[in-house]
């Protein structure tokens, strides 16, 4: 996999990866407002490359954590549903 060196220019085709209690799905970017509820967390990674790095706090202890999405089972946006992740 190669990192992007410039935007693809197809913003009208931009998709969102949505993770909720039902699992992972992909939605159109224009659907974002209808997907949000009070208390939701939005993580924006506009680089569109892996590994993505997500920072957070462990709820039980307040310790800092980092989750890196290290790979996925498929490359097609319509088929991406499972990631290999490493937690630090």
C-alpha atoms as a PDB file:
ATOM      1  CA  UNK A   1       0.000   0.000   0.000  1.00  0.00           C
ATOM      2  CA  UNK A   2       1.323   3.459  -0.886  1.00  0.00           C
ATOM      3  CA  UNK A   3       0.552   6.708   0.929  1.00  0.00           C
ATOM      4  CA  UNK A   4      -1.398   9.317  -1.028  1.00  0.00           C
ATOM      5  CA  UNK A   5       0.704  12.194  -2.305  1.00  0.00           C
ATOM      6  CA  UNK A   6      -2.235  14.394  -3.357  1.00  0.00           C
ATOM      7  CA  UNK A   7      -6.040  14.422  -3.021  1.00  0.00           C
ATOM      8  CA  UNK A   8      -7.876  12.235  -5.508  1.00  0.00           C
ATOM      9  CA  UNK A   9     -10.152  15.130  -6.495  1.00  0.00           C
ATOM     10  CA  UNK A  10     -13.307  13.012  -6.311  1.00  0.00           C
ATOM     11  CA  UNK A  11     -14.844  14.623  -3.235  1.00  0.00           C
ATOM     12  CA  UNK A  12     -18.376  13.921  -4.463  1.00  0.00           C
ATOM     13  CA  UNK A  13     -17.536  10.221  -4.050  1.00  0.00           C
ATOM     14  CA  UNK A  14     -16.098  10.638  -0.536  1.00  0.00           C
ATOM     15  CA  UNK A  15     -17.320   8.005   1.906  1.00  0.00           C
ATOM     16  CA  UNK A  16     -17.467   7.751   5.681  1.00  0.00           C
ATOM     17  CA  UNK A  17     -16.517   4.689   7.662  1.00  0.00           C
ATOM     18  CA  UNK A  18     -19.155   4.427  10.395  1.00  0.00           C
ATOM     19  CA  UNK A  19     -18.500   2.263  13.458  1.00  0.00           C
ATOM     20  CA  UNK A  20     -21.474   1.686  15.755  1.00  0.00           C
ATOM     21  CA  UNK A  21     -23.090  -1.052  17.812  1.00  0.00           C
ATOM     22  CA  UNK A  22     -24.077  -2.793  14.562  1.00  0.00           C
ATOM     23  CA  UNK A  23     -20.503  -2.986  13.285  1.00  0.00           C
ATOM     24  CA  UNK A  24     -18.757  -1.130  10.459  1.00  0.00           C
ATOM     25  CA  UNK A  25     -20.552   0.379   7.490  1.00  0.00           C
ATOM     26  CA  UNK A  26     -19.776   2.907   4.779  1.00  0.00           C
ATOM     27  CA  UNK A  27     -22.023   5.908   4.200  1.00  0.00           C
ATOM     28  CA  UNK A  28     -22.003   8.952   1.966  1.00  0.00           C
ATOM     29  CA  UNK A  29     -20.345  12.020   3.445  1.00  0.00           C
ATOM     30  CA  UNK A  30     -23.570  13.985   3.037  1.00  0.00           C
ATOM     31  CA  UNK A  31     -25.271  11.617   5.524  1.00  0.00           C
ATOM     32  CA  UNK A  32     -23.012  12.627   8.448  1.00  0.00           C
ATOM     33  CA  UNK A  33     -25.486  15.012  10.183  1.00  0.00           C
ATOM     34  CA  UNK A  34     -28.223  12.353  10.233  1.00  0.00           C
ATOM     35  CA  UNK A  35     -25.843   9.804  11.787  1.00  0.00           C
ATOM     36  CA  UNK A  36     -24.873  11.885  14.843  1.00  0.00           C
ATOM     37  CA  UNK A  37     -26.463  11.686  18.293  1.00  0.00           C
ATOM     38  CA  UNK A  38     -25.574  13.623  21.458  1.00  0.00           C
ATOM     39  CA  UNK A  39     -22.405  12.189  22.987  1.00  0.00           C
ATOM     40  CA  UNK A  40     -21.096  10.637  19.753  1.00  0.00           C
ATOM     41  CA  UNK A  41     -17.390  10.766  18.970  1.00  0.00           C
ATOM     42  CA  UNK A  42     -16.296  11.803  15.477  1.00  0.00           C
ATOM     43  CA  UNK A  43     -12.790  10.816  14.360  1.00  0.00           C
ATOM     44  CA  UNK A  44     -11.649  12.515  11.155  1.00  0.00           C
ATOM     45  CA  UNK A  45      -8.762  11.064   9.191  1.00  0.00           C
ATOM     46  CA  UNK A  46      -8.643  12.839   5.868  1.00  0.00           C
ATOM     47  CA  UNK A  47      -5.355  11.235   4.850  1.00  0.00           C
ATOM     48  CA  UNK A  48      -7.106   8.081   3.586  1.00  0.00           C
ATOM     49  CA  UNK A  49      -3.993   6.026   4.281  1.00  0.00           C
ATOM     50  CA  UNK A  50      -3.091   3.244   6.653  1.00  0.00           C
ATOM     51  CA  UNK A  51      -1.841   3.031   9.267  1.00  0.00           C
ATOM     52  CA  UNK A  52      -4.286   5.451  10.831  1.00  0.00           C
ATOM     53  CA  UNK A  53      -3.485   6.426  14.405  1.00  0.00           C
ATOM     54  CA  UNK A  54      -6.242   7.207  16.910  1.00  0.00           C
ATOM     55  CA  UNK A  55      -5.479   8.683  20.350  1.00  0.00           C
ATOM     56  CA  UNK A  56      -7.721   8.337  23.362  1.00  0.00           C
ATOM     57  CA  UNK A  57      -8.067   7.653  27.058  1.00  0.00           C
ATOM     58  CA  UNK A  58      -8.906   4.318  28.650  1.00  0.00           C
ATOM     59  CA  UNK A  59     -12.293   4.869  30.315  1.00  0.00           C
ATOM     60  CA  UNK A  60     -11.542   2.767  33.418  1.00  0.00           C
ATOM     61  CA  UNK A  61      -8.208   4.361  34.338  1.00  0.00           C
ATOM     62  CA  UNK A  62      -7.791   7.547  32.301  1.00  0.00           C
ATOM     63  CA  UNK A  63      -4.522   6.168  30.870  1.00  0.00           C
ATOM     64  CA  UNK A  64      -3.553   7.411  27.422  1.00  0.00           C
ATOM     65  CA  UNK A  65      -3.934   4.870  24.610  1.00  0.00           C
ATOM     66  CA  UNK A  66      -3.206   4.827  20.897  1.00  0.00           C
ATOM     67  CA  UNK A  67      -4.958   2.544  18.405  1.00  0.00           C
ATOM     68  CA  UNK A  68      -3.277   2.048  15.027  1.00  0.00           C
ATOM     69  CA  UNK A  69      -5.254   0.553  12.179  1.00  0.00           C
ATOM     70  CA  UNK A  70      -2.466  -1.489  10.657  1.00  0.00           C
ATOM     71  CA  UNK A  71      -4.256  -3.112   7.732  1.00  0.00           C
ATOM     72  CA  UNK A  72      -7.560  -4.226   6.283  1.00  0.00           C
ATOM     73  CA  UNK A  73      -8.832  -7.379   4.644  1.00  0.00           C
ATOM     74  CA  UNK A  74      -9.926  -5.635   1.415  1.00  0.00           C
ATOM     75  CA  UNK A  75      -8.943  -2.530  -0.523  1.00  0.00           C
ATOM     76  CA  UNK A  76     -12.296  -1.690  -2.111  1.00  0.00           C
ATOM     77  CA  UNK A  77     -14.219   0.862   0.048  1.00  0.00           C
ATOM     78  CA  UNK A  78     -17.379  -1.227  -0.367  1.00  0.00           C
ATOM     79  CA  UNK A  79     -15.633  -4.307   1.033  1.00  0.00           C
ATOM     80  CA  UNK A  80     -13.682  -2.811   3.955  1.00  0.00           C
ATOM     81  CA  UNK A  81     -15.249  -4.091   7.156  1.00  0.00           C
ATOM     82  CA  UNK A  82     -12.423  -5.587   9.241  1.00  0.00           C
ATOM     83  CA  UNK A  83      -9.156  -4.005  10.351  1.00  0.00           C
ATOM     84  CA  UNK A  84      -6.096  -5.333  12.091  1.00  0.00           C
ATOM     85  CA  UNK A  85      -5.431  -2.951  14.974  1.00  0.00           C
ATOM     86  CA  UNK A  86      -2.618  -2.533  17.473  1.00  0.00           C
ATOM     87  CA  UNK A  87      -3.294  -0.846  20.828  1.00  0.00           C
ATOM     88  CA  UNK A  88      -0.509   0.932  22.698  1.00  0.00           C
END
